[in-house]
Amino acid sequence: MSGRIVRRWREAKERGQSLVELGLILPLLVIIVLGTLEFGLVFDHHLTLEYATREGARAGAALAHGGSGPPGCQGASEVDPRIVAAVQRVLTSPGSPIKLDEVDEIHIYNSGPDGEELATNIWRYSAGMGPTVDGTPLNFVQFSVAWGACSRNNGAVNPQSIGVSVNYTYNYATPFRFFFGTGLDMTDRTVMQLNPTN
């Protein structure tokens, strides 16, 4: 009789120990799983931003100062809207996780040798209020102009480099927002040399 009591007491003790161990390990496992999920979502958003800045810089490098060159600079006023349109197309494409209203600014800038912004044109989010490009109104309006398209040098000697950056606020999808605040500021930039024209 006493052997059975001892055995039951040991089994109950082991069950209690297992519950305590589960109580200690479960929060850690939940944090690891949620952290992995959040990291994957952040990475997905970052890849989309990277692709968007690359498309914008590619458009800017190809368009340079509008195609006709100084002194006329015909078409120069369409260059920056076309760059922003290229960025917006990627951000609003099917499968994009980006919420356009969480994009704070798009910068189009003259890039220095180390990628620094020497002169920056800033575009800010404003739903449907931007210029129309290829029949689609842009959701960004030009806030400041410091580097006019007509002044961009894409000559064969010392061509300038154009940079495009997107500033975005990522909102946490998991309960991490309770610990780290509502959002994570993300910025991606791409720099390309202006394509020479003959």
Protein backbone atom coordinates (compact mmCIF):
# COMPACT_ATOMS: atom_id res chain seq x y z
CA MET A 1 0.00 0.00 0.00
CA SER A 2 2.71 2.43 0.91
CA GLY A 3 4.60 1.63 -2.34
CA ARG A 4 1.56 2.66 -4.35
CA ILE A 5 1.24 5.92 -2.43
CA VAL A 6 4.90 6.71 -2.98
CA ARG A 7 4.55 5.98 -6.70
CA ARG A 8 1.46 8.22 -7.01
CA TRP A 9 3.21 10.97 -5.08
CA ARG A 10 6.21 10.76 -7.46
CA GLU A 11 3.93 10.84 -10.53
CA ALA A 12 2.06 13.88 -9.20
CA LYS A 13 5.36 15.57 -8.42
CA GLU A 14 6.62 14.87 -11.98
CA ARG A 15 3.39 16.23 -13.49
CA GLY A 16 3.74 19.37 -11.41
CA GLN A 17 7.36 19.71 -12.47
CA SER A 18 6.36 19.35 -16.15
CA LEU A 19 3.74 22.09 -15.78
CA VAL A 20 6.28 24.41 -14.18
CA GLU A 21 8.80 23.71 -16.98
CA LEU A 22 6.11 24.29 -19.61
CA GLY A 23 5.15 27.55 -17.89
CA LEU A 24 8.78 28.70 -18.04
CA ILE A 25 9.49 27.63 -21.63
CA LEU A 26 6.18 28.46 -23.35
CA PRO A 27 6.58 32.28 -23.21
CA LEU A 28 10.08 31.95 -24.67
CA LEU A 29 8.77 29.76 -27.51
CA VAL A 30 5.94 32.21 -28.22
CA ILE A 31 8.42 35.11 -28.35
CA ILE A 32 10.67 33.18 -30.75
CA VAL A 33 7.77 32.26 -33.06
CA LEU A 34 6.31 35.79 -33.06
CA GLY A 35 9.78 37.31 -33.53
CA THR A 36 10.43 35.06 -36.52
CA LEU A 37 7.06 35.99 -38.03
CA GLU A 38 7.65 39.72 -37.45
CA PHE A 39 11.16 39.52 -38.93
CA GLY A 40 9.75 37.83 -42.04
CA LEU A 41 7.14 40.56 -42.46
CA VAL A 42 9.73 43.34 -41.98
CA PHE A 43 12.02 41.64 -44.51
CA ASP A 44 9.15 41.38 -47.03
CA HIS A 45 8.37 45.10 -46.65
CA HIS A 46 12.04 45.98 -46.99
CA LEU A 47 12.41 43.96 -50.20
CA THR A 48 9.43 45.80 -51.71
CA LEU A 49 10.93 49.17 -50.76
CA GLU A 50 14.26 48.10 -52.26
CA TYR A 51 12.61 47.14 -55.53
CA ALA A 52 10.64 50.42 -55.60
CA THR A 53 13.73 52.60 -55.12
CA ARG A 54 15.58 50.59 -57.76
CA GLU A 55 12.78 51.15 -60.29
CA GLY A 56 12.66 54.86 -59.45
CA ALA A 57 16.43 55.28 -59.80
CA ARG A 58 16.41 53.31 -63.07
CA ALA A 59 13.70 55.61 -64.47
CA GLY A 60 15.60 58.69 -63.29
CA ALA A 61 18.88 57.49 -64.76
CA ALA A 62 17.24 56.77 -68.11
CA LEU A 63 15.30 60.04 -68.27
CA ALA A 64 18.20 62.18 -66.97
CA HIS A 65 17.06 65.76 -67.69
CA GLY A 66 14.17 65.05 -70.00
CA GLY A 67 15.89 63.83 -73.12
CA SER A 68 16.40 67.00 -75.13
CA GLY A 69 19.07 68.54 -72.97
CA PRO A 70 19.94 72.19 -72.31
CA PRO A 71 19.32 74.87 -73.33
CA GLY A 72 15.72 73.87 -74.11
CA CYS A 73 15.23 71.13 -71.52
CA GLN A 74 11.92 70.13 -73.08
CA GLY A 75 10.31 67.42 -70.98
CA ALA A 76 12.30 68.23 -67.83
CA SER A 77 9.11 68.95 -65.88
CA GLU A 78 7.94 65.36 -66.46
CA VAL A 79 11.10 63.64 -65.16
CA ASP A 80 10.46 63.66 -61.40
CA PRO A 81 6.75 62.74 -61.72
CA ARG A 82 7.77 59.76 -63.86
CA ILE A 83 10.30 58.69 -61.22
CA VAL A 84 7.63 58.90 -58.52
CA ALA A 85 5.20 57.02 -60.78
CA ALA A 86 7.76 54.19 -61.15
CA VAL A 87 8.08 53.99 -57.36
CA GLN A 88 4.31 54.13 -56.84
CA ARG A 89 3.69 51.36 -59.42
CA VAL A 90 5.86 48.97 -57.40
CA LEU A 91 4.38 49.99 -54.05
CA THR A 92 0.81 49.47 -55.28
CA SER A 93 1.43 46.37 -57.39
CA PRO A 94 -0.47 43.14 -56.59
CA GLY A 95 1.22 41.31 -53.74
CA SER A 96 2.89 44.42 -52.34
CA PRO A 97 2.61 44.50 -48.53
CA ILE A 98 3.18 48.27 -48.43
CA LYS A 99 0.34 50.55 -47.37
CA LEU A 100 0.84 53.67 -49.46
CA ASP A 101 -0.42 56.03 -46.77
CA GLU A 102 2.42 54.85 -44.51
CA VAL A 103 5.03 56.09 -47.00
CA ASP A 104 6.16 59.37 -45.48
CA GLU A 105 8.36 60.76 -48.25
CA ILE A 106 10.07 59.98 -51.52
CA HIS A 107 13.41 61.75 -52.07
CA ILE A 108 14.96 62.30 -55.50
CA TYR A 109 18.46 63.63 -55.02
CA ASN A 110 21.83 64.44 -56.50
CA SER A 111 24.05 61.82 -54.93
CA GLY A 112 27.58 62.57 -53.79
CA PRO A 113 30.44 60.07 -54.05
CA ASP A 114 29.50 58.44 -50.73
CA GLY A 115 25.76 58.32 -51.47
CA GLU A 116 24.95 61.45 -49.46
CA GLU A 117 22.10 63.71 -50.52
CA LEU A 118 23.65 66.87 -51.99
CA ALA A 119 20.42 68.43 -53.29
CA THR A 120 17.05 66.82 -52.63
CA ASN A 121 13.59 67.02 -54.17
CA ILE A 122 11.01 65.85 -51.62
CA TRP A 123 7.64 64.30 -52.47
CA ARG A 124 5.09 63.71 -49.69
CA TYR A 125 2.06 61.46 -49.54
CA SER A 126 -1.25 63.07 -50.46
CA ALA A 127 -3.83 60.60 -51.82
CA GLY A 128 -4.67 61.34 -55.47
CA MET A 129 -3.46 64.94 -55.29
CA GLY A 130 -0.26 64.59 -57.35
CA PRO A 131 0.22 65.12 -61.09
CA THR A 132 -1.21 62.60 -63.54
CA VAL A 133 1.30 60.31 -65.27
CA ASP A 134 0.09 57.99 -68.06
CA GLY A 135 -3.52 58.52 -66.97
CA THR A 136 -2.90 57.67 -63.31
CA PRO A 137 -2.90 60.39 -60.65
CA LEU A 138 0.05 60.17 -58.27
CA ASN A 139 -0.52 59.89 -54.54
CA PHE A 140 2.47 62.14 -53.86
CA VAL A 141 2.92 65.88 -54.29
CA GLN A 142 6.17 67.74 -54.70
CA PHE A 143 7.05 69.48 -51.44
CA SER A 144 10.44 70.98 -52.33
CA VAL A 145 12.75 71.30 -55.33
CA ALA A 146 16.51 71.65 -54.82
CA TRP A 147 17.76 69.78 -57.90
CA GLY A 148 15.88 70.67 -61.06
CA ALA A 149 15.84 68.05 -63.81
CA CYS A 150 17.14 70.57 -66.34
CA SER A 151 20.37 71.01 -64.35
CA ARG A 152 21.23 67.31 -64.25
CA ASN A 153 24.51 66.46 -65.98
CA ASN A 154 24.46 63.22 -67.91
CA GLY A 155 27.33 64.08 -70.25
CA ALA A 156 30.07 61.65 -71.15
CA VAL A 157 32.46 63.43 -68.76
CA ASN A 158 31.67 63.28 -65.01
CA PRO A 159 27.96 62.44 -65.19
CA GLN A 160 26.03 62.94 -61.97
CA SER A 161 24.36 60.16 -60.01
CA ILE A 162 20.70 60.17 -59.10
CA GLY A 163 19.43 58.73 -55.85
CA VAL A 164 15.90 57.71 -54.91
CA SER A 165 14.93 56.96 -51.33
CA VAL A 166 11.65 56.00 -49.72
CA ASN A 167 10.87 56.70 -46.04
CA TYR A 168 8.26 54.30 -44.69
CA THR A 169 6.71 53.51 -41.31
CA TYR A 170 6.21 49.78 -40.76
CA ASN A 171 3.49 48.96 -38.23
CA TYR A 172 4.10 45.80 -36.22
CA ALA A 173 1.69 42.96 -36.98
CA THR A 174 2.33 41.03 -33.76
CA PRO A 175 2.06 42.03 -30.09
CA PHE A 176 5.63 43.42 -30.29
CA ARG A 177 3.96 46.81 -30.85
CA PHE A 178 3.13 46.82 -27.13
CA PHE A 179 6.84 46.58 -26.28
CA PHE A 180 8.53 48.50 -29.10
CA GLY A 181 5.97 51.18 -29.96
CA THR A 182 3.58 51.40 -32.86
CA GLY A 183 6.00 51.37 -35.77
CA LEU A 184 9.46 50.96 -37.18
CA ASP A 185 10.89 53.68 -39.44
CA MET A 186 12.37 52.13 -42.57
CA THR A 187 14.34 53.82 -45.35
CA ASP A 188 15.73 52.32 -48.52
CA ARG A 189 17.76 54.09 -51.17
CA THR A 190 19.22 53.33 -54.58
CA VAL A 191 21.81 55.37 -56.46
CA MET A 192 22.50 55.12 -60.20
CA GLN A 193 24.62 57.12 -62.58
CA LEU A 194 22.68 59.16 -65.12
CA ASN A 195 22.76 57.51 -68.51
CA PRO A 196 24.78 59.50 -71.06
CA THR A 197 22.92 60.69 -74.14
CA ASN A 198 24.38 61.62 -77.50
